[in-house]
């Protein structure tokens, strides 16, 4: 069975590829441009994915830059600043910050609706989800949560009708009716769930229980949950070449899983406290940010080996790749 997953640029990624040479993860040949959020440097590193050379360092104009999300056309990069409760808007053509959007206390993570019109924000210190107009660059609505849910992530169903928001504080995933702007259900998944993604067919939701040693898979129709033991402190996950890769912050490893059998197939040693990860545009490499190593690891997918590292800023957290 072929299952697809969406990435932060909004382009579908094939979970099963005939060969690594004939299909791409982000719809374009080459390695793309890599962006890394450096939390303690308050910067964004810009790296050429082919040469692995740093081409720019962007001052985020905020404090504790944490999460990154690309607009659907790849022309804008949105970056959260936890310390200042803002989102920085970057022009990817010039690498310049062109705007700052106040969104609330502990602005942690973001996701863009499938139509590209709205940016939904996890502001962990607030009791709601701020909704930002991408065109107007300002908050236009809020989804009430009842209480602050801490620093989680948000993802959308492919049809844009449902949002899935994690609450590390409550150990739940909030199911949100997007048109109605309201929470319809809360699904218990484990301790401190953080990162989350949906399949493009909308049938499954994958995420990490960072407070324990498992990832979870939610059946979006029945809301049944399956957990899979992977190792200590799972952080982010991604899908490449028919496999699932999960960073294990407590193991200094990336776990490799079969998404159908849910079996761990192997482990790749990396640097200190891996956090965010993202595939290159051609699916041949995976870039992994090391919180404590202050660098970016490069994994060769074919060999399953760490082949290079690139120095970035202090405490790198999130990684995204722009193929445009």
Foldseek 3Di string as FASTA:
>chain_A
DWWWFADLLLAIATLADPDLQPDWGHPFDDQFWKWWFAFQVCWIWIARRHVRDTPDIENQPAHRWAEWGAFNVRQWIWIAHQRQQWIFIAGPVVRYTPDIERHEHRFAEWGAFSVRQWIWTQRQQDQWIFIAGPVVRYTDDIQGNPGRQGHAYKEAALVRQWIWTDRLNVQWIFIAGVVVSYTDDIAHAEHGKHDKTAINVRQWIWTDRQCAAWIWIAGRVVRDIDIAGFEHRWAYWDRANQWIWTFHQVPQWIWIARVPVRDTPDIEHHDHRWHAKDGGRSRQWIWIDHQQVQWIWIAGPVVRYTDDIHHHGHRIHYMDGRND
